[in-house]
Amino acid sequence: MEHGSFQDQSASTFSLTDEDHTLANSLRFTLNQDPRVTFCGYSIPHPSDARVNIRVQTTGDPASEVLKDSCQDLMLMCQHVRSTFDKAVADFRNAQGLKAMKIDQ
C-alpha cells in the first residue's frame, strides 16, 4: 500500500505486510544505491506487527517507479548470489568425488 500525495509523487511511504527487517534492509540498501533517491528509510511500527513502512524520496521521478526498479535490482542480486552458490557447491562436490576416487587434478 502506498501513502503519499497525488501532487508530489516523488515522495511516498509504502507499507509492506508480512515482511520484516530482512526485506526492508535489503530494499533500503538497493534504494540508496540509486542516484535518483535523495532519502530512503524504513521502520517497523511494532515488533509484533508484521508490517514494514518504507519511505522513499526522489529527485523528481515517481517514488513507486524507483521502488519497483530497486525490487528488480534486488531480484537480480539474489539470482546472482544463488547461481554463484550453486556453482560453488557443484565444484565442491566434483572435487570431493575426485578425492574419493584418488584422481589427481
PDB file of N, CA and C in Angstrom:
ATOM      1  N   MET A   1       0.839  -1.164   0.000  1.00  0.00           N
ATOM      2  CA  MET A   1       0.000   0.000   0.000  1.00  0.00           C
ATOM      3  C   MET A   1       0.891   1.236   0.000  1.00  0.00           C
ATOM      4  N   GLU A   2       0.526   2.197  -0.803  1.00  0.00           N
ATOM      5  CA  GLU A   2       1.304   3.428  -0.916  1.00  0.00           C
ATOM      6  C   GLU A   2       0.566   4.560  -0.219  1.00  0.00           C
ATOM      7  N   HIS A   3       1.321   5.339   0.563  1.00  0.00           N
ATOM      8  CA  HIS A   3       0.781   6.531   1.209  1.00  0.00           C
ATOM      9  C   HIS A   3       1.593   7.712   0.699  1.00  0.00           C
ATOM     10  N   GLY A   4       0.929   8.699   0.159  1.00  0.00           N
ATOM     11  CA  GLY A   4       1.649   9.856  -0.351  1.00  0.00           C
ATOM     12  C   GLY A   4       0.697  10.873  -0.937  1.00  0.00           C
ATOM     13  N   SER A   5       1.258  11.880  -1.536  1.00  0.00           N
ATOM     14  CA  SER A   5       0.488  12.961  -2.128  1.00  0.00           C
ATOM     15  C   SER A   5       0.307  12.710  -3.617  1.00  0.00           C
ATOM     16  N   PHE A   6      -0.862  13.034  -4.122  1.00  0.00           N
ATOM     17  CA  PHE A   6      -1.085  12.905  -5.560  1.00  0.00           C
ATOM     18  C   PHE A   6      -0.355  14.007  -6.323  1.00  0.00           C
ATOM     19  N   GLN A   7      -0.146  15.165  -5.691  1.00  0.00           N
ATOM     20  CA  GLN A   7       0.557  16.258  -6.359  1.00  0.00           C
ATOM     21  C   GLN A   7       2.058  15.989  -6.448  1.00  0.00           C
ATOM     22  N   ASP A   8       2.637  15.430  -5.378  1.00  0.00           N
ATOM     23  CA  ASP A   8       4.081  15.175  -5.349  1.00  0.00           C
ATOM     24  C   ASP A   8       4.321  13.673  -5.280  1.00  0.00           C
ATOM     25  N   GLN A   9       4.534  13.064  -6.437  1.00  0.00           N
ATOM     26  CA  GLN A   9       4.750  11.620  -6.486  1.00  0.00           C
ATOM     27  C   GLN A   9       6.202  11.233  -6.225  1.00  0.00           C
ATOM     28  N   SER A  10       7.045  12.229  -5.979  1.00  0.00           N
ATOM     29  CA  SER A  10       8.459  11.933  -5.742  1.00  0.00           C
ATOM     30  C   SER A  10       8.734  11.528  -4.295  1.00  0.00           C
ATOM     31  N   ALA A  11       7.740  11.591  -3.425  1.00  0.00           N
ATOM     32  CA  ALA A  11       7.907  11.191  -2.027  1.00  0.00           C
ATOM     33  C   ALA A  11       6.700  10.369  -1.600  1.00  0.00           C
ATOM     34  N   SER A  12       6.963   9.155  -1.154  1.00  0.00           N
ATOM     35  CA  SER A  12       5.883   8.267  -0.722  1.00  0.00           C
ATOM     36  C   SER A  12       6.375   7.333   0.363  1.00  0.00           C
ATOM     37  N   THR A  13       5.418   6.839   1.132  1.00  0.00           N
ATOM     38  CA  THR A  13       5.678   5.795   2.113  1.00  0.00           C
ATOM     39  C   THR A  13       4.913   4.562   1.677  1.00  0.00           C
ATOM     40  N   PHE A  14       5.595   3.434   1.662  1.00  0.00           N
ATOM     41  CA  PHE A  14       4.997   2.172   1.232  1.00  0.00           C
ATOM     42  C   PHE A  14       4.916   1.231   2.422  1.00  0.00           C
ATOM     43  N   SER A  15       3.758   0.629   2.628  1.00  0.00           N
ATOM     44  CA  SER A  15       3.570  -0.353   3.699  1.00  0.00           C
ATOM     45  C   SER A  15       3.590  -1.749   3.098  1.00  0.00           C
ATOM     46  N   LEU A  16       4.498  -2.568   3.578  1.00  0.00           N
ATOM     47  CA  LEU A  16       4.613  -3.948   3.113  1.00  0.00           C
ATOM     48  C   LEU A  16       4.174  -4.865   4.248  1.00  0.00           C
ATOM     49  N   THR A  17       3.141  -5.665   4.000  1.00  0.00           N
ATOM     50  CA  THR A  17       2.650  -6.570   5.038  1.00  0.00           C
ATOM     51  C   THR A  17       3.374  -7.909   4.968  1.00  0.00           C
ATOM     52  N   ASP A  18       3.411  -8.579   6.102  1.00  0.00           N
ATOM     53  CA  ASP A  18       4.065  -9.882   6.250  1.00  0.00           C
ATOM     54  C   ASP A  18       5.544  -9.830   5.883  1.00  0.00           C
ATOM     55  N   GLU A  19       6.200  -8.726   6.197  1.00  0.00           N
ATOM     56  CA  GLU A  19       7.638  -8.581   5.946  1.00  0.00           C
ATOM     57  C   GLU A  19       8.323  -8.085   7.209  1.00  0.00           C
ATOM     58  N   ASP A  20       9.657  -8.204   7.227  1.00  0.00           N
ATOM     59  CA  ASP A  20      10.423  -7.775   8.387  1.00  0.00           C
ATOM     60  C   ASP A  20      11.728  -7.113   7.938  1.00  0.00           C
ATOM     61  N   HIS A  21      12.708  -7.074   8.845  1.00  0.00           N
ATOM     62  CA  HIS A  21      13.973  -6.397   8.559  1.00  0.00           C
ATOM     63  C   HIS A  21      14.716  -7.003   7.367  1.00  0.00           C
ATOM     64  N   THR A  22      14.514  -8.283   7.101  1.00  0.00           N
ATOM     65  CA  THR A  22      15.260  -8.947   6.030  1.00  0.00           C
ATOM     66  C   THR A  22      15.035  -8.260   4.693  1.00  0.00           C
ATOM     67  N   LEU A  23      13.790  -8.142   4.298  1.00  0.00           N
ATOM     68  CA  LEU A  23      13.489  -7.486   3.019  1.00  0.00           C
ATOM     69  C   LEU A  23      13.684  -5.977   3.119  1.00  0.00           C
ATOM     70  N   ALA A  24      13.259  -5.381   4.225  1.00  0.00           N
ATOM     71  CA  ALA A  24      13.311  -3.921   4.354  1.00  0.00           C
ATOM     72  C   ALA A  24      14.740  -3.394   4.265  1.00  0.00           C
ATOM     73  N   ASN A  25      15.666  -4.026   4.959  1.00  0.00           N
ATOM     74  CA  ASN A  25      17.047  -3.547   4.934  1.00  0.00           C
ATOM     75  C   ASN A  25      17.687  -3.782   3.569  1.00  0.00           C
ATOM     76  N   SER A  26      17.349  -4.893   2.924  1.00  0.00           N
ATOM     77  CA  SER A  26      17.870  -5.159   1.577  1.00  0.00           C
ATOM     78  C   SER A  26      17.347  -4.132   0.580  1.00  0.00           C
ATOM     79  N   LEU A  27      16.060  -3.815   0.672  1.00  0.00           N
ATOM     80  CA  LEU A  27      15.486  -2.793  -0.217  1.00  0.00           C
ATOM     81  C   LEU A  27      16.081  -1.420   0.065  1.00  0.00           C
ATOM     82  N   ARG A  28      16.280  -1.114   1.340  1.00  0.00           N
ATOM     83  CA  ARG A  28      16.886   0.170   1.698  1.00  0.00           C
ATOM     84  C   ARG A  28      18.272   0.280   1.072  1.00  0.00           C
ATOM     85  N   PHE A  29      19.033  -0.809   1.111  1.00  0.00           N
ATOM     86  CA  PHE A  29      20.371  -0.812   0.515  1.00  0.00           C
ATOM     87  C   PHE A  29      20.303  -0.541  -0.987  1.00  0.00           C
ATOM     88  N   THR A  30      19.440  -1.275  -1.704  1.00  0.00           N
ATOM     89  CA  THR A  30      19.369  -1.087  -3.158  1.00  0.00           C
ATOM     90  C   THR A  30      18.812   0.284  -3.513  1.00  0.00           C
ATOM     91  N   LEU A  31      17.872   0.783  -2.737  1.00  0.00           N
ATOM     92  CA  LEU A  31      17.335   2.124  -2.996  1.00  0.00           C
ATOM     93  C   LEU A  31      18.419   3.185  -2.826  1.00  0.00           C
ATOM     94  N   ASN A  32      19.233   3.044  -1.790  1.00  0.00           N
ATOM     95  CA  ASN A  32      20.283   4.038  -1.557  1.00  0.00           C
ATOM     96  C   ASN A  32      21.392   3.984  -2.603  1.00  0.00           C
ATOM     97  N   GLN A  33      21.478   2.914  -3.385  1.00  0.00           N
ATOM     98  CA  GLN A  33      22.443   2.830  -4.480  1.00  0.00           C
ATOM     99  C   GLN A  33      21.962   3.591  -5.713  1.00  0.00           C
ATOM    100  N   ASP A  34      20.679   3.893  -5.766  1.00  0.00           N
ATOM    101  CA  ASP A  34      20.070   4.567  -6.922  1.00  0.00           C
ATOM    102  C   ASP A  34      20.311   6.073  -6.818  1.00  0.00           C
ATOM    103  N   PRO A  35      20.923   6.687  -7.835  1.00  0.00           N
ATOM    104  CA  PRO A  35      21.200   8.129  -7.772  1.00  0.00           C
ATOM    105  C   PRO A  35      19.938   8.993  -7.768  1.00  0.00           C
ATOM    106  N   ARG A  36      18.801   8.422  -8.132  1.00  0.00           N
ATOM    107  CA  ARG A  36      17.547   9.185  -8.117  1.00  0.00           C
ATOM    108  C   ARG A  36      16.975   9.337  -6.712  1.00  0.00           C
ATOM    109  N   VAL A  37      17.493   8.585  -5.753  1.00  0.00           N
ATOM    110  CA  VAL A  37      16.960   8.588  -4.389  1.00  0.00           C
ATOM    111  C   VAL A  37      17.701   9.622  -3.549  1.00  0.00           C
ATOM    112  N   THR A  38      16.932  10.522  -2.924  1.00  0.00           N
ATOM    113  CA  THR A  38      17.519  11.508  -2.017  1.00  0.00           C
ATOM    114  C   THR A  38      17.393  11.070  -0.565  1.00  0.00           C
ATOM    115  N   PHE A  39      16.381  10.267  -0.255  1.00  0.00           N
ATOM    116  CA  PHE A  39      16.201   9.739   1.097  1.00  0.00           C
ATOM    117  C   PHE A  39      15.483   8.405   1.024  1.00  0.00           C
ATOM    118  N   CYS A  40      15.923   7.490   1.852  1.00  0.00           N
ATOM    119  CA  CYS A  40      15.241   6.202   1.984  1.00  0.00           C
ATOM    120  C   CYS A  40      15.463   5.703   3.399  1.00  0.00           C
ATOM    121  N   GLY A  41      14.400   5.254   4.008  1.00  0.00           N
ATOM    122  CA  GLY A  41      14.487   4.668   5.338  1.00  0.00           C
ATOM    123  C   GLY A  41      13.288   3.774   5.575  1.00  0.00           C
ATOM    124  N   TYR A  42      13.389   2.955   6.593  1.00  0.00           N
ATOM    125  CA  TYR A  42      12.250   2.098   6.906  1.00  0.00           C
ATOM    126  C   TYR A  42      12.051   2.022   8.409  1.00  0.00           C
ATOM    127  N   SER A  43      10.851   1.666   8.786  1.00  0.00           N
ATOM    128  CA  SER A  43      10.538   1.458  10.194  1.00  0.00           C
ATOM    129  C   SER A  43       9.545   0.317  10.313  1.00  0.00           C
ATOM    130  N   ILE A  44       9.588  -0.315  11.466  1.00  0.00           N
ATOM    131  CA  ILE A  44       8.606  -1.342  11.802  1.00  0.00           C
ATOM    132  C   ILE A  44       7.806  -0.768  12.966  1.00  0.00           C
ATOM    133  N   PRO A  45       6.515  -0.499  12.734  1.00  0.00           N
ATOM    134  CA  PRO A  45       5.722   0.192  13.752  1.00  0.00           C
ATOM    135  C   PRO A  45       5.725  -0.494  15.121  1.00  0.00           C
ATOM    136  N   HIS A  46       5.662  -1.819  15.136  1.00  0.00           N
ATOM    137  CA  HIS A  46       5.661  -2.561  16.396  1.00  0.00           C
ATOM    138  C   HIS A  46       6.235  -3.952  16.133  1.00  0.00           C
ATOM    139  N   PRO A  47       7.056  -4.474  17.051  1.00  0.00           N
ATOM    140  CA  PRO A  47       7.685  -5.781  16.797  1.00  0.00           C
ATOM    141  C   PRO A  47       6.700  -6.926  16.540  1.00  0.00           C
ATOM    142  N   SER A  48       5.518  -6.852  17.126  1.00  0.00           N
ATOM    143  CA  SER A  48       4.553  -7.937  16.910  1.00  0.00           C
ATOM    144  C   SER A  48       3.702  -7.719  15.663  1.00  0.00           C
ATOM    145  N   ASP A  49       3.884  -6.584  15.008  1.00  0.00           N
ATOM    146  CA  ASP A  49       3.140  -6.268  13.793  1.00  0.00           C
ATOM    147  C   ASP A  49       4.020  -6.609  12.592  1.00  0.00           C
ATOM    148  N   ALA A  50       3.583  -7.553  11.764  1.00  0.00           N
ATOM    149  CA  ALA A  50       4.376  -7.983  10.599  1.00  0.00           C
ATOM    150  C   ALA A  50       4.167  -7.009   9.444  1.00  0.00           C
ATOM    151  N   ARG A  51       4.627  -5.782   9.664  1.00  0.00           N
ATOM    152  CA  ARG A  51       4.472  -4.745   8.645  1.00  0.00           C
ATOM    153  C   ARG A  51       5.704  -3.854   8.669  1.00  0.00           C
ATOM    154  N   VAL A  52       6.106  -3.416   7.474  1.00  0.00           N
ATOM    155  CA  VAL A  52       7.259  -2.532   7.324  1.00  0.00           C
ATOM    156  C   VAL A  52       6.813  -1.304   6.550  1.00  0.00           C
ATOM    157  N   ASN A  53       7.209  -0.135   7.015  1.00  0.00           N
ATOM    158  CA  ASN A  53       6.961   1.113   6.287  1.00  0.00           C
ATOM    159  C   ASN A  53       8.278   1.576   5.679  1.00  0.00           C
ATOM    160  N   ILE A  54       8.293   1.752   4.357  1.00  0.00           N
ATOM    161  CA  ILE A  54       9.491   2.219   3.657  1.00  0.00           C
ATOM    162  C   ILE A  54       9.200   3.597   3.084  1.00  0.00           C
ATOM    163  N   ARG A  55      10.013   4.571   3.461  1.00  0.00           N
ATOM    164  CA  ARG A  55       9.866   5.942   2.978  1.00  0.00           C
ATOM    165  C   ARG A  55      10.884   6.174   1.874  1.00  0.00           C
ATOM    166  N   VAL A  56      10.410   6.670   0.720  1.00  0.00           N
ATOM    167  CA  VAL A  56      11.280   6.931  -0.427  1.00  0.00           C
ATOM    168  C   VAL A  56      11.042   8.355  -0.916  1.00  0.00           C
ATOM    169  N   GLN A  57      12.125   9.124  -1.036  1.00  0.00           N
ATOM    170  CA  GLN A  57      12.063  10.457  -1.625  1.00  0.00           C
ATOM    171  C   GLN A  57      13.069  10.489  -2.767  1.00  0.00           C
ATOM    172  N   THR A  58      12.637  11.030  -3.900  1.00  0.00           N
ATOM    173  CA  THR A  58      13.481  11.023  -5.097  1.00  0.00           C
ATOM    174  C   THR A  58      13.760  12.442  -5.572  1.00  0.00           C
ATOM    175  N   THR A  59      14.595  12.527  -6.601  1.00  0.00           N
ATOM    176  CA  THR A  59      14.939  13.820  -7.191  1.00  0.00           C
ATOM    177  C   THR A  59      13.847  14.346  -8.113  1.00  0.00           C
ATOM    178  N   GLY A  60      12.791  13.587  -8.303  1.00  0.00           N
ATOM    179  CA  GLY A  60      11.697  14.025  -9.169  1.00  0.00           C
ATOM    180  C   GLY A  60      10.944  12.877  -9.809  1.00  0.00           C
ATOM    181  N   ASP A  61      11.594  11.731  -9.949  1.00  0.00           N
ATOM    182  CA  ASP A  61      10.933  10.554 -10.514  1.00  0.00           C
ATOM    183  C   ASP A  61       9.872  10.046  -9.537  1.00  0.00           C
ATOM    184  N   PRO A  62       8.843   9.379 -10.043  1.00  0.00           N
ATOM    185  CA  PRO A  62       7.833   8.806  -9.142  1.00  0.00           C
ATOM    186  C   PRO A  62       8.469   7.775  -8.202  1.00  0.00           C
ATOM    187  N   ALA A  63       8.194   7.921  -6.924  1.00  0.00           N
ATOM    188  CA  ALA A  63       8.786   7.029  -5.925  1.00  0.00           C
ATOM    189  C   ALA A  63       8.388   5.577  -6.162  1.00  0.00           C
ATOM    190  N   SER A  64       7.180   5.353  -6.656  1.00  0.00           N
ATOM    191  CA  SER A  64       6.737   3.974  -6.900  1.00  0.00           C
ATOM    192  C   SER A  64       7.567   3.313  -8.000  1.00  0.00           C
ATOM    193  N   GLU A  65       7.935   4.077  -9.029  1.00  0.00           N
ATOM    194  CA  GLU A  65       8.768   3.521 -10.105  1.00  0.00           C
ATOM    195  C   GLU A  65      10.177   3.210  -9.603  1.00  0.00           C
ATOM    196  N   VAL A  66      10.708   4.080  -8.780  1.00  0.00           N
ATOM    197  CA  VAL A  66      12.049   3.866  -8.231  1.00  0.00           C
ATOM    198  C   VAL A  66      12.043   2.634  -7.322  1.00  0.00           C
ATOM    199  N   LEU A  67      10.977   2.462  -6.538  1.00  0.00           N
ATOM    200  CA  LEU A  67      10.869   1.281  -5.682  1.00  0.00           C
ATOM    201  C   LEU A  67      10.778   0.007  -6.523  1.00  0.00           C
ATOM    202  N   LYS A  68       9.998   0.044  -7.593  1.00  0.00           N
ATOM    203  CA  LYS A  68       9.896  -1.124  -8.484  1.00  0.00           C
ATOM    204  C   LYS A  68      11.257  -1.463  -9.087  1.00  0.00           C
ATOM    205  N   ASP A  69      11.987  -0.447  -9.529  1.00  0.00           N
ATOM    206  CA  ASP A  69      13.320  -0.674 -10.099  1.00  0.00           C
ATOM    207  C   ASP A  69      14.261  -1.298  -9.062  1.00  0.00           C
ATOM    208  N   SER A  70      14.176  -0.823  -7.825  1.00  0.00           N
ATOM    209  CA  SER A  70      15.028  -1.369  -6.769  1.00  0.00           C
ATOM    210  C   SER A  70      14.664  -2.812  -6.454  1.00  0.00           C
ATOM    211  N   CYS A  71      13.383  -3.137  -6.516  1.00  0.00           N
ATOM    212  CA  CYS A  71      12.962  -4.531  -6.322  1.00  0.00           C
ATOM    213  C   CYS A  71      13.536  -5.417  -7.426  1.00  0.00           C
ATOM    214  N   GLN A  72      13.529  -4.923  -8.657  1.00  0.00           N
ATOM    215  CA  GLN A  72      14.117  -5.676  -9.771  1.00  0.00           C
ATOM    216  C   GLN A  72      15.623  -5.862  -9.562  1.00  0.00           C
ATOM    217  N   ASP A  73      16.301  -4.792  -9.130  1.00  0.00           N
ATOM    218  CA  ASP A  73      17.740  -4.882  -8.865  1.00  0.00           C
ATOM    219  C   ASP A  73      18.028  -5.911  -7.771  1.00  0.00           C
ATOM    220  N   LEU A  74      17.208  -5.907  -6.726  1.00  0.00           N
ATOM    221  CA  LEU A  74      17.388  -6.853  -5.629  1.00  0.00           C
ATOM    222  C   LEU A  74      17.165  -8.286  -6.104  1.00  0.00           C
ATOM    223  N   MET A  75      16.169  -8.492  -6.959  1.00  0.00           N
ATOM    224  CA  MET A  75      15.933  -9.827  -7.512  1.00  0.00           C
ATOM    225  C   MET A  75      17.136 -10.303  -8.321  1.00  0.00           C
ATOM    226  N   LEU A  76      17.718  -9.410  -9.124  1.00  0.00           N
ATOM    227  CA  LEU A  76      18.901  -9.773  -9.911  1.00  0.00           C
ATOM    228  C   LEU A  76      20.081 -10.123  -9.007  1.00  0.00           C
ATOM    229  N   MET A  77      20.257  -9.360  -7.931  1.00  0.00           N
ATOM    230  CA  MET A  77      21.336  -9.658  -6.989  1.00  0.00           C
ATOM    231  C   MET A  77      21.138 -11.026  -6.355  1.00  0.00           C
ATOM    232  N   CYS A  78      19.907 -11.323  -5.951  1.00  0.00           N
ATOM    233  CA  CYS A  78      19.619 -12.619  -5.329  1.00  0.00           C
ATOM    234  C   CYS A  78      19.830 -13.763  -6.311  1.00  0.00           C
ATOM    235  N   GLN A  79      19.440 -13.566  -7.562  1.00  0.00           N
ATOM    236  CA  GLN A  79      19.661 -14.601  -8.576  1.00  0.00           C
ATOM    237  C   GLN A  79      21.154 -14.840  -8.794  1.00  0.00           C
ATOM    238  N   HIS A  80      21.931 -13.767  -8.790  1.00  0.00           N
ATOM    239  CA  HIS A  80      23.383 -13.899  -8.959  1.00  0.00           C
ATOM    240  C   HIS A  80      23.997 -14.652  -7.778  1.00  0.00           C
ATOM    241  N   VAL A  81      23.587 -14.302  -6.571  1.00  0.00           N
ATOM    242  CA  VAL A  81      24.103 -14.986  -5.385  1.00  0.00           C
ATOM    243  C   VAL A  81      23.743 -16.466  -5.442  1.00  0.00           C
ATOM    244  N   ARG A  82      22.504 -16.755  -5.818  1.00  0.00           N
ATOM    245  CA  ARG A  82      22.062 -18.154  -5.887  1.00  0.00           C
ATOM    246  C   ARG A  82      22.866 -18.943  -6.922  1.00  0.00           C
ATOM    247  N   SER A  83      23.055 -18.384  -8.105  1.00  0.00           N
ATOM    248  CA  SER A  83      23.797 -19.116  -9.141  1.00  0.00           C
ATOM    249  C   SER A  83      25.266 -19.281  -8.753  1.00  0.00           C
ATOM    250  N   THR A  84      25.857 -18.279  -8.119  1.00  0.00           N
ATOM    251  CA  THR A  84      27.240 -18.378  -7.659  1.00  0.00           C
ATOM    252  C   THR A  84      27.370 -19.460  -6.587  1.00  0.00           C
ATOM    253  N   PHE A  85      26.414 -19.491  -5.666  1.00  0.00           N
ATOM    254  CA  PHE A  85      26.419 -20.504  -4.609  1.00  0.00           C
ATOM    255  C   PHE A  85      26.250 -21.907  -5.193  1.00  0.00           C
ATOM    256  N   ASP A  86      25.288 -22.061  -6.095  1.00  0.00           N
ATOM    257  CA  ASP A  86      25.054 -23.369  -6.714  1.00  0.00           C
ATOM    258  C   ASP A  86      26.294 -23.867  -7.459  1.00  0.00           C
ATOM    259  N   LYS A  87      26.981 -22.963  -8.147  1.00  0.00           N
ATOM    260  CA  LYS A  87      28.206 -23.343  -8.863  1.00  0.00           C
ATOM    261  C   LYS A  87      29.294 -23.762  -7.882  1.00  0.00           C
ATOM    262  N   ALA A  88      29.432 -23.033  -6.773  1.00  0.00           N
ATOM    263  CA  ALA A  88      30.443 -23.378  -5.770  1.00  0.00           C
ATOM    264  C   ALA A  88      30.147 -24.741  -5.148  1.00  0.00           C
ATOM    265  N   VAL A  89      28.882 -25.036  -4.891  1.00  0.00           N
ATOM    266  CA  VAL A  89      28.508 -26.340  -4.337  1.00  0.00           C
ATOM    267  C   VAL A  89      28.822 -27.446  -5.340  1.00  0.00           C
ATOM    268  N   ALA A  90      28.486 -27.228  -6.607  1.00  0.00           N
ATOM    269  CA  ALA A  90      28.766 -28.234  -7.641  1.00  0.00           C
ATOM    270  C   ALA A  90      30.271 -28.462  -7.781  1.00  0.00           C
ATOM    271  N   ASP A  91      31.052 -27.382  -7.766  1.00  0.00           N
ATOM    272  CA  ASP A  91      32.512 -27.512  -7.855  1.00  0.00           C
ATOM    273  C   ASP A  91      33.065 -28.286  -6.659  1.00  0.00           C
ATOM    274  N   PHE A  92      32.541 -27.999  -5.472  1.00  0.00           N
ATOM    275  CA  PHE A  92      32.987 -28.693  -4.264  1.00  0.00           C
ATOM    276  C   PHE A  92      32.663 -30.180  -4.344  1.00  0.00           C
ATOM    277  N   ARG A  93      31.447 -30.491  -4.770  1.00  0.00           N
ATOM    278  CA  ARG A  93      31.046 -31.903  -4.874  1.00  0.00           C
ATOM    279  C   ARG A  93      31.888 -32.641  -5.916  1.00  0.00           C
ATOM    280  N   ASN A  94      32.187 -31.975  -7.022  1.00  0.00           N
ATOM    281  CA  ASN A  94      33.050 -32.591  -8.037  1.00  0.00           C
ATOM    282  C   ASN A  94      34.444 -32.845  -7.484  1.00  0.00           C
ATOM    283  N   ALA A  95      34.970 -31.881  -6.741  1.00  0.00           N
ATOM    284  CA  ALA A  95      36.302 -32.034  -6.151  1.00  0.00           C
ATOM    285  C   ALA A  95      36.298 -33.156  -5.120  1.00  0.00           C
ATOM    286  N   GLN A  96      35.244 -33.267  -4.334  1.00  0.00           N
ATOM    287  CA  GLN A  96      35.147 -34.340  -3.341  1.00  0.00           C
ATOM    288  C   GLN A  96      35.078 -35.697  -4.040  1.00  0.00           C
ATOM    289  N   GLY A  97      34.368 -35.766  -5.156  1.00  0.00           N
ATOM    290  CA  GLY A  97      34.280 -37.010  -5.912  1.00  0.00           C
ATOM    291  C   GLY A  97      35.631 -37.429  -6.452  1.00  0.00           C
ATOM    292  N   LEU A  98      36.417 -36.478  -6.930  1.00  0.00           N
ATOM    293  CA  LEU A  98      37.758 -36.783  -7.441  1.00  0.00           C
ATOM    294  C   LEU A  98      38.676 -37.239  -6.315  1.00  0.00           C
ATOM    295  N   LYS A  99      38.538 -36.638  -5.136  1.00  0.00           N
ATOM    296  CA  LYS A  99      39.365 -37.049  -3.993  1.00  0.00           C
ATOM    297  C   LYS A  99      39.014 -38.472  -3.569  1.00  0.00           C
ATOM    298  N   ALA A 100      37.720 -38.800  -3.600  1.00  0.00           N
ATOM    299  CA  ALA A 100      37.291 -40.147  -3.206  1.00  0.00           C
ATOM    300  C   ALA A 100      37.832 -41.194  -4.174  1.00  0.00           C
ATOM    301  N   MET A 101      37.962 -40.826  -5.442  1.00  0.00           N
ATOM    302  CA  MET A 101      38.496 -41.753  -6.443  1.00  0.00           C
ATOM    303  C   MET A 101      40.019 -41.690  -6.509  1.00  0.00           C
ATOM    304  N   LYS A 102      40.617 -40.800  -5.712  1.00  0.00           N
ATOM    305  CA  LYS A 102      42.070 -40.614  -5.658  1.00  0.00           C
ATOM    306  C   LYS A 102      42.647 -40.287  -7.029  1.00  0.00           C
ATOM    307  N   ILE A 103      41.987 -39.377  -7.717  1.00  0.00           N
ATOM    308  CA  ILE A 103      42.446 -38.922  -9.031  1.00  0.00           C
ATOM    309  C   ILE A 103      43.085 -37.554  -8.851  1.00  0.00           C
ATOM    310  N   ASP A 104      44.323 -37.404  -9.317  1.00  0.00           N
ATOM    311  CA  ASP A 104      44.995 -36.105  -9.235  1.00  0.00           C
ATOM    312  C   ASP A 104      44.442 -35.181 -10.303  1.00  0.00           C
ATOM    313  N   GLN A 105      44.373 -33.923  -9.939  1.00  0.00           N
ATOM    314  CA  GLN A 105      43.883 -32.938 -10.904  1.00  0.00           C
ATOM    315  C   GLN A 105      45.029 -32.215 -11.528  1.00  0.00           C
TER     316      GLN A 105
END
